[in-house]
N, C-alpha and C. Protein backbone atom coordinates (compact mmCIF):
# COMPACT_ATOMS: atom_id res chain seq x y z
N MET A 1 -28.93 24.38 -34.13
CA MET A 1 -28.44 23.58 -33.03
C MET A 1 -29.58 23.36 -32.05
N ALA A 2 -29.75 22.13 -31.62
CA ALA A 2 -30.83 21.79 -30.70
C ALA A 2 -30.54 22.32 -29.30
N GLU A 3 -31.60 22.62 -28.58
CA GLU A 3 -31.47 23.13 -27.22
C GLU A 3 -30.62 22.21 -26.36
N GLN A 4 -30.82 20.90 -26.47
CA GLN A 4 -30.07 20.00 -25.61
C GLN A 4 -28.58 19.95 -25.98
N ASP A 5 -28.20 20.38 -27.18
CA ASP A 5 -26.79 20.46 -27.54
C ASP A 5 -26.10 21.61 -26.81
N VAL A 6 -26.83 22.60 -26.43
CA VAL A 6 -26.27 23.79 -25.79
C VAL A 6 -26.34 23.70 -24.28
N VAL A 7 -27.37 23.10 -23.76
CA VAL A 7 -27.58 23.04 -22.32
C VAL A 7 -27.54 21.58 -21.87
N SER A 8 -26.79 21.31 -20.83
CA SER A 8 -26.68 19.95 -20.34
C SER A 8 -27.94 19.54 -19.60
N GLU A 9 -27.96 18.27 -19.20
CA GLU A 9 -29.12 17.75 -18.50
C GLU A 9 -29.32 18.39 -17.14
N ILE A 10 -28.32 19.08 -16.58
CA ILE A 10 -28.51 19.74 -15.30
C ILE A 10 -28.69 21.24 -15.46
N GLY A 11 -28.79 21.70 -16.71
CA GLY A 11 -29.15 23.08 -16.95
C GLY A 11 -28.00 24.06 -17.09
N SER A 12 -26.77 23.61 -16.96
CA SER A 12 -25.64 24.54 -17.11
C SER A 12 -25.03 24.40 -18.49
N PRO A 13 -24.36 25.45 -18.98
CA PRO A 13 -23.74 25.36 -20.30
C PRO A 13 -22.76 24.20 -20.36
N ARG A 14 -22.70 23.55 -21.50
CA ARG A 14 -21.75 22.44 -21.67
C ARG A 14 -20.34 22.98 -21.79
N ILE A 15 -19.41 22.19 -21.30
CA ILE A 15 -18.00 22.51 -21.42
C ILE A 15 -17.43 21.52 -22.43
N GLY A 16 -16.86 22.02 -23.49
CA GLY A 16 -16.21 21.16 -24.47
C GLY A 16 -14.71 21.19 -24.25
N LEU A 17 -14.01 20.22 -24.79
CA LEU A 17 -12.56 20.19 -24.63
C LEU A 17 -11.90 21.47 -25.11
N GLU A 18 -12.48 22.07 -26.14
CA GLU A 18 -11.90 23.32 -26.65
C GLU A 18 -12.03 24.46 -25.65
N ASP A 19 -12.91 24.31 -24.67
CA ASP A 19 -13.13 25.33 -23.65
C ASP A 19 -12.25 25.13 -22.41
N VAL A 20 -11.53 24.02 -22.34
CA VAL A 20 -10.76 23.67 -21.15
C VAL A 20 -9.28 23.91 -21.40
N ASP A 21 -8.66 24.68 -20.54
CA ASP A 21 -7.22 24.92 -20.59
C ASP A 21 -6.56 23.82 -19.77
N VAL A 22 -6.26 22.71 -20.43
CA VAL A 22 -5.74 21.53 -19.75
C VAL A 22 -4.39 21.82 -19.08
N ALA A 23 -3.54 22.59 -19.74
CA ALA A 23 -2.24 22.92 -19.14
C ALA A 23 -2.42 23.69 -17.83
N ARG A 24 -3.37 24.61 -17.82
CA ARG A 24 -3.64 25.37 -16.60
C ARG A 24 -4.18 24.47 -15.49
N LEU A 25 -5.04 23.52 -15.85
CA LEU A 25 -5.55 22.57 -14.85
C LEU A 25 -4.42 21.72 -14.30
N GLY A 26 -3.49 21.31 -15.16
CA GLY A 26 -2.35 20.52 -14.72
C GLY A 26 -1.49 21.28 -13.72
N MET A 27 -1.28 22.56 -13.99
CA MET A 27 -0.50 23.38 -13.06
C MET A 27 -1.24 23.56 -11.74
N ALA A 28 -2.56 23.72 -11.79
CA ALA A 28 -3.36 23.84 -10.57
C ALA A 28 -3.26 22.55 -9.75
N ALA A 29 -3.34 21.40 -10.42
CA ALA A 29 -3.23 20.12 -9.73
C ALA A 29 -1.86 19.97 -9.07
N LEU A 30 -0.83 20.39 -9.78
CA LEU A 30 0.52 20.32 -9.23
C LEU A 30 0.66 21.22 -8.00
N ARG A 31 0.04 22.40 -8.05
CA ARG A 31 0.06 23.29 -6.87
C ARG A 31 -0.64 22.63 -5.68
N LEU A 32 -1.74 21.93 -5.93
CA LEU A 32 -2.44 21.24 -4.85
C LEU A 32 -1.58 20.14 -4.24
N ILE A 33 -0.85 19.42 -5.08
CA ILE A 33 0.05 18.38 -4.58
C ILE A 33 1.14 19.01 -3.71
N ARG A 34 1.64 20.14 -4.12
CA ARG A 34 2.67 20.82 -3.32
C ARG A 34 2.10 21.31 -1.99
N VAL A 35 0.84 21.70 -1.98
CA VAL A 35 0.19 22.09 -0.72
C VAL A 35 0.18 20.90 0.22
N VAL A 36 -0.12 19.71 -0.30
CA VAL A 36 -0.11 18.49 0.52
C VAL A 36 1.29 18.26 1.07
N GLU A 37 2.30 18.33 0.21
CA GLU A 37 3.67 18.06 0.64
C GLU A 37 4.17 19.08 1.67
N ASN A 38 3.65 20.29 1.61
CA ASN A 38 4.03 21.31 2.58
C ASN A 38 3.25 21.23 3.88
N GLY A 39 2.30 20.29 3.95
CA GLY A 39 1.54 20.09 5.17
C GLY A 39 0.38 21.05 5.38
N ASP A 40 -0.04 21.73 4.31
CA ASP A 40 -1.13 22.70 4.41
C ASP A 40 -2.45 22.11 3.89
N VAL A 41 -2.74 20.89 4.27
CA VAL A 41 -3.90 20.17 3.74
C VAL A 41 -5.20 20.90 4.03
N GLY A 42 -5.28 21.61 5.12
CA GLY A 42 -6.48 22.37 5.45
C GLY A 42 -6.83 23.38 4.37
N LYS A 43 -5.82 23.96 3.72
CA LYS A 43 -6.07 24.90 2.63
C LYS A 43 -6.77 24.20 1.45
N MET A 44 -6.42 22.94 1.22
CA MET A 44 -7.08 22.20 0.15
C MET A 44 -8.57 22.05 0.45
N TRP A 45 -8.88 21.67 1.68
CA TRP A 45 -10.28 21.45 2.05
C TRP A 45 -11.06 22.76 2.00
N ASP A 46 -10.44 23.86 2.45
CA ASP A 46 -11.10 25.16 2.46
C ASP A 46 -11.51 25.60 1.06
N ALA A 47 -10.71 25.25 0.06
CA ALA A 47 -10.98 25.66 -1.33
C ALA A 47 -11.65 24.55 -2.13
N ALA A 48 -11.98 23.45 -1.50
CA ALA A 48 -12.54 22.29 -2.20
C ALA A 48 -14.00 22.50 -2.59
N SER A 49 -14.45 21.62 -3.43
CA SER A 49 -15.83 21.60 -3.86
C SER A 49 -16.77 21.37 -2.67
N ALA A 50 -17.93 21.97 -2.73
CA ALA A 50 -18.95 21.72 -1.71
C ALA A 50 -19.30 20.23 -1.69
N LEU A 51 -19.19 19.59 -2.83
CA LEU A 51 -19.44 18.16 -2.94
C LEU A 51 -18.51 17.38 -2.00
N LEU A 52 -17.24 17.68 -2.02
CA LEU A 52 -16.28 17.02 -1.13
C LEU A 52 -16.56 17.38 0.32
N ARG A 53 -16.81 18.64 0.58
CA ARG A 53 -17.01 19.09 1.95
C ARG A 53 -18.29 18.53 2.57
N ARG A 54 -19.28 18.19 1.74
CA ARG A 54 -20.51 17.56 2.27
C ARG A 54 -20.26 16.12 2.70
N HIS A 55 -19.30 15.47 2.05
CA HIS A 55 -19.06 14.05 2.32
C HIS A 55 -17.97 13.76 3.33
N GLN A 56 -17.19 14.78 3.69
CA GLN A 56 -16.11 14.55 4.63
C GLN A 56 -15.85 15.84 5.42
N THR A 57 -15.70 15.69 6.73
CA THR A 57 -15.41 16.87 7.54
C THR A 57 -13.98 17.33 7.28
N ARG A 58 -13.73 18.58 7.61
CA ARG A 58 -12.39 19.15 7.42
C ARG A 58 -11.36 18.34 8.20
N ASP A 59 -11.65 18.04 9.46
CA ASP A 59 -10.70 17.30 10.29
C ASP A 59 -10.42 15.90 9.74
N ALA A 60 -11.47 15.21 9.27
CA ALA A 60 -11.29 13.87 8.71
C ALA A 60 -10.46 13.92 7.43
N PHE A 61 -10.71 14.92 6.58
CA PHE A 61 -9.96 15.08 5.35
C PHE A 61 -8.48 15.33 5.65
N ILE A 62 -8.21 16.25 6.55
CA ILE A 62 -6.83 16.58 6.91
C ILE A 62 -6.13 15.35 7.48
N ALA A 63 -6.79 14.65 8.39
CA ALA A 63 -6.19 13.47 9.02
C ALA A 63 -5.88 12.38 7.99
N ALA A 64 -6.81 12.13 7.09
CA ALA A 64 -6.62 11.07 6.09
C ALA A 64 -5.46 11.38 5.15
N ILE A 65 -5.46 12.58 4.60
CA ILE A 65 -4.41 12.94 3.65
C ILE A 65 -3.05 13.04 4.36
N THR A 66 -3.02 13.65 5.53
CA THR A 66 -1.76 13.85 6.24
C THR A 66 -1.14 12.53 6.65
N SER A 67 -1.91 11.63 7.21
CA SER A 67 -1.33 10.35 7.66
C SER A 67 -0.85 9.52 6.48
N HIS A 68 -1.62 9.53 5.40
CA HIS A 68 -1.24 8.77 4.20
C HIS A 68 0.05 9.32 3.60
N ARG A 69 0.12 10.63 3.43
CA ARG A 69 1.29 11.23 2.80
C ARG A 69 2.51 11.21 3.72
N ARG A 70 2.31 11.31 5.02
CA ARG A 70 3.44 11.25 5.95
C ARG A 70 4.14 9.91 5.81
N ALA A 71 3.37 8.85 5.65
CA ALA A 71 3.95 7.52 5.49
C ALA A 71 4.71 7.39 4.16
N LEU A 72 4.28 8.11 3.14
CA LEU A 72 4.91 8.01 1.82
C LEU A 72 6.16 8.87 1.69
N GLY A 73 6.16 10.02 2.32
CA GLY A 73 7.27 10.95 2.18
C GLY A 73 7.09 11.86 0.97
N TRP A 74 8.14 12.57 0.62
CA TRP A 74 8.10 13.54 -0.47
C TRP A 74 8.12 12.84 -1.82
N GLY A 75 7.46 13.49 -2.79
CA GLY A 75 7.50 12.99 -4.15
C GLY A 75 8.71 13.55 -4.89
N MET A 76 9.31 12.72 -5.73
CA MET A 76 10.46 13.13 -6.53
C MET A 76 10.19 12.74 -7.99
N GLU A 77 10.87 13.40 -8.88
CA GLU A 77 10.77 13.08 -10.31
C GLU A 77 9.32 13.04 -10.78
N ARG A 78 8.53 13.99 -10.34
CA ARG A 78 7.11 14.02 -10.68
C ARG A 78 6.94 14.43 -12.13
N ARG A 79 6.12 13.67 -12.86
CA ARG A 79 5.82 13.97 -14.26
C ARG A 79 4.32 13.90 -14.46
N TRP A 80 3.80 14.84 -15.20
CA TRP A 80 2.39 14.83 -15.56
C TRP A 80 2.21 13.79 -16.64
N THR A 81 1.34 12.82 -16.41
CA THR A 81 1.21 11.70 -17.34
C THR A 81 -0.13 11.63 -18.06
N ALA A 82 -1.18 12.19 -17.49
CA ALA A 82 -2.49 12.07 -18.14
C ALA A 82 -3.45 13.15 -17.66
N ALA A 83 -4.36 13.48 -18.54
CA ALA A 83 -5.46 14.39 -18.20
C ALA A 83 -6.71 13.87 -18.90
N ARG A 84 -7.80 13.85 -18.16
CA ARG A 84 -9.07 13.39 -18.75
C ARG A 84 -10.17 14.33 -18.29
N ILE A 85 -10.98 14.75 -19.23
CA ILE A 85 -12.17 15.54 -18.92
C ILE A 85 -13.35 14.60 -19.09
N ASP A 86 -14.20 14.52 -18.09
CA ASP A 86 -15.28 13.55 -18.09
C ASP A 86 -16.58 14.21 -17.66
N ARG A 87 -17.69 13.74 -18.21
CA ARG A 87 -19.02 14.21 -17.84
C ARG A 87 -19.90 13.02 -17.47
N PRO A 88 -19.72 12.46 -16.27
CA PRO A 88 -20.59 11.35 -15.88
C PRO A 88 -22.04 11.80 -15.77
N ARG A 89 -22.92 10.92 -16.03
CA ARG A 89 -24.35 11.23 -16.00
C ARG A 89 -24.92 11.22 -14.59
N GLY A 90 -24.10 10.90 -13.63
CA GLY A 90 -24.59 10.85 -12.24
C GLY A 90 -24.76 9.41 -11.81
N GLY A 91 -25.07 9.25 -10.57
CA GLY A 91 -25.23 7.92 -10.02
C GLY A 91 -24.62 7.87 -8.64
N HIS A 92 -24.30 6.65 -8.21
CA HIS A 92 -23.80 6.51 -6.85
C HIS A 92 -22.33 6.91 -6.70
N VAL A 93 -21.58 7.00 -7.79
CA VAL A 93 -20.16 7.34 -7.69
C VAL A 93 -19.95 8.85 -7.76
N GLN A 94 -20.44 9.49 -8.80
CA GLN A 94 -20.27 10.94 -8.96
C GLN A 94 -21.56 11.56 -9.44
N PRO A 95 -21.91 12.71 -8.88
CA PRO A 95 -23.07 13.43 -9.39
C PRO A 95 -22.74 13.99 -10.79
N PRO A 96 -23.75 14.34 -11.56
CA PRO A 96 -23.49 14.91 -12.88
C PRO A 96 -22.63 16.17 -12.78
N GLY A 97 -21.88 16.42 -13.80
CA GLY A 97 -21.02 17.59 -13.85
C GLY A 97 -19.86 17.35 -14.78
N THR A 98 -18.95 18.30 -14.84
CA THR A 98 -17.74 18.17 -15.65
C THR A 98 -16.57 18.03 -14.70
N TYR A 99 -15.80 16.96 -14.88
CA TYR A 99 -14.68 16.64 -14.02
C TYR A 99 -13.39 16.59 -14.83
N ALA A 100 -12.31 17.01 -14.22
CA ALA A 100 -10.98 16.88 -14.80
C ALA A 100 -10.18 15.97 -13.87
N VAL A 101 -9.62 14.92 -14.43
CA VAL A 101 -8.77 14.00 -13.67
C VAL A 101 -7.36 14.16 -14.21
N LEU A 102 -6.44 14.57 -13.34
CA LEU A 102 -5.06 14.82 -13.74
C LEU A 102 -4.15 13.87 -12.98
N GLU A 103 -3.32 13.15 -13.71
CA GLU A 103 -2.45 12.14 -13.10
C GLU A 103 -0.99 12.50 -13.26
N PHE A 104 -0.23 12.16 -12.22
CA PHE A 104 1.21 12.38 -12.20
C PHE A 104 1.88 11.10 -11.76
N SER A 105 3.00 10.77 -12.37
CA SER A 105 3.81 9.67 -11.86
C SER A 105 4.97 10.30 -11.10
N CYS A 106 5.39 9.63 -10.05
CA CYS A 106 6.51 10.14 -9.25
C CYS A 106 7.11 9.00 -8.46
N ARG A 107 8.16 9.31 -7.76
CA ARG A 107 8.79 8.37 -6.84
C ARG A 107 8.61 8.96 -5.45
N MET A 108 8.25 8.10 -4.50
CA MET A 108 7.93 8.56 -3.16
C MET A 108 8.92 8.06 -2.13
N GLY A 109 9.23 8.95 -1.20
CA GLY A 109 10.01 8.59 -0.03
C GLY A 109 11.47 8.28 -0.31
N ALA A 110 12.14 7.84 0.75
CA ALA A 110 13.58 7.57 0.69
C ALA A 110 13.91 6.44 -0.28
N LEU A 111 13.00 5.48 -0.43
CA LEU A 111 13.25 4.36 -1.34
C LEU A 111 12.93 4.69 -2.79
N GLY A 112 12.24 5.79 -3.01
CA GLY A 112 11.90 6.19 -4.38
C GLY A 112 10.97 5.22 -5.08
N LEU A 113 10.00 4.71 -4.34
CA LEU A 113 9.05 3.75 -4.92
C LEU A 113 8.13 4.46 -5.91
N PRO A 114 7.79 3.79 -7.03
CA PRO A 114 6.93 4.43 -8.04
C PRO A 114 5.49 4.55 -7.56
N TYR A 115 4.95 5.75 -7.71
CA TYR A 115 3.57 6.04 -7.33
C TYR A 115 2.89 6.83 -8.43
N ARG A 116 1.57 6.81 -8.39
CA ARG A 116 0.75 7.61 -9.28
C ARG A 116 -0.16 8.47 -8.41
N GLU A 117 -0.09 9.78 -8.63
CA GLU A 117 -0.96 10.71 -7.90
C GLU A 117 -2.07 11.15 -8.84
N ARG A 118 -3.27 11.24 -8.29
CA ARG A 118 -4.43 11.66 -9.07
C ARG A 118 -5.15 12.78 -8.34
N VAL A 119 -5.35 13.89 -9.06
CA VAL A 119 -6.11 15.03 -8.55
C VAL A 119 -7.36 15.15 -9.40
N THR A 120 -8.52 15.18 -8.75
CA THR A 120 -9.78 15.32 -9.47
C THR A 120 -10.39 16.67 -9.12
N LEU A 121 -10.74 17.41 -10.17
CA LEU A 121 -11.36 18.73 -10.03
C LEU A 121 -12.73 18.70 -10.67
N ARG A 122 -13.64 19.52 -10.18
CA ARG A 122 -15.00 19.60 -10.72
C ARG A 122 -15.27 21.05 -11.13
N TYR A 123 -15.85 21.23 -12.32
CA TYR A 123 -16.20 22.56 -12.81
C TYR A 123 -17.49 22.99 -12.13
N GLU A 124 -17.44 24.13 -11.44
CA GLU A 124 -18.59 24.57 -10.66
C GLU A 124 -19.02 25.97 -11.03
N GLU A 125 -20.07 26.42 -10.36
CA GLU A 125 -20.63 27.75 -10.64
C GLU A 125 -19.56 28.82 -10.64
N GLY A 126 -19.72 29.78 -11.49
CA GLY A 126 -18.77 30.87 -11.59
C GLY A 126 -17.54 30.52 -12.42
N GLY A 127 -17.57 29.34 -13.07
CA GLY A 127 -16.45 28.94 -13.91
C GLY A 127 -15.20 28.55 -13.14
N VAL A 128 -15.37 28.03 -11.92
CA VAL A 128 -14.24 27.68 -11.06
C VAL A 128 -14.10 26.15 -11.00
N TRP A 129 -12.88 25.67 -11.16
CA TRP A 129 -12.58 24.25 -10.96
C TRP A 129 -12.20 24.06 -9.50
N ARG A 130 -12.87 23.13 -8.82
CA ARG A 130 -12.62 22.89 -7.40
C ARG A 130 -12.26 21.43 -7.15
N LEU A 131 -11.43 21.22 -6.15
CA LEU A 131 -10.98 19.89 -5.78
C LEU A 131 -12.13 19.00 -5.33
N THR A 132 -12.16 17.78 -5.87
CA THR A 132 -13.11 16.79 -5.36
C THR A 132 -12.38 15.51 -4.92
N GLY A 133 -11.08 15.41 -5.21
CA GLY A 133 -10.36 14.22 -4.76
C GLY A 133 -8.87 14.29 -4.99
N TYR A 134 -8.16 13.58 -4.12
CA TYR A 134 -6.71 13.41 -4.24
C TYR A 134 -6.37 11.99 -3.82
N GLN A 135 -5.53 11.32 -4.59
CA GLN A 135 -5.08 9.98 -4.25
C GLN A 135 -3.62 9.83 -4.61
N ALA A 136 -2.91 9.02 -3.85
CA ALA A 136 -1.55 8.61 -4.18
C ALA A 136 -1.52 7.10 -4.01
N ARG A 137 -1.26 6.38 -5.11
CA ARG A 137 -1.28 4.91 -5.08
C ARG A 137 -0.02 4.36 -5.71
N PRO A 138 0.38 3.17 -5.25
CA PRO A 138 1.54 2.53 -5.90
C PRO A 138 1.29 2.35 -7.39
N ASP A 139 2.32 2.56 -8.17
CA ASP A 139 2.19 2.44 -9.63
C ASP A 139 2.54 1.03 -10.07
């Protein structure tokens, strides 16, 4: 096996799909969504990736997520719909690394409008997956 097959371009061991417990990541993403719904958004930022924390202050993160979710209301009938493990090569959108994108469909608020929630996690030092993004968009 060639050296580059074992070590990625940033020097860390490669993560293959066989190494990723997708069900566990899905449960972690669902716990993060529940943290948002319970109004504990600061806890998300405290445990987030350094990447996220470098690009947004704690107060700005809390304000953005809280105001957006307050307008939407609680999620109902939430279902896990997709999981993707990705290794972008870097660039202006995402730095190199291993990312897990987990999507859920749900109905939001009193009207039960269809939405899609997306939680993005990044595999970091020490074998820890950390939050790099959360979105809730109309489906």
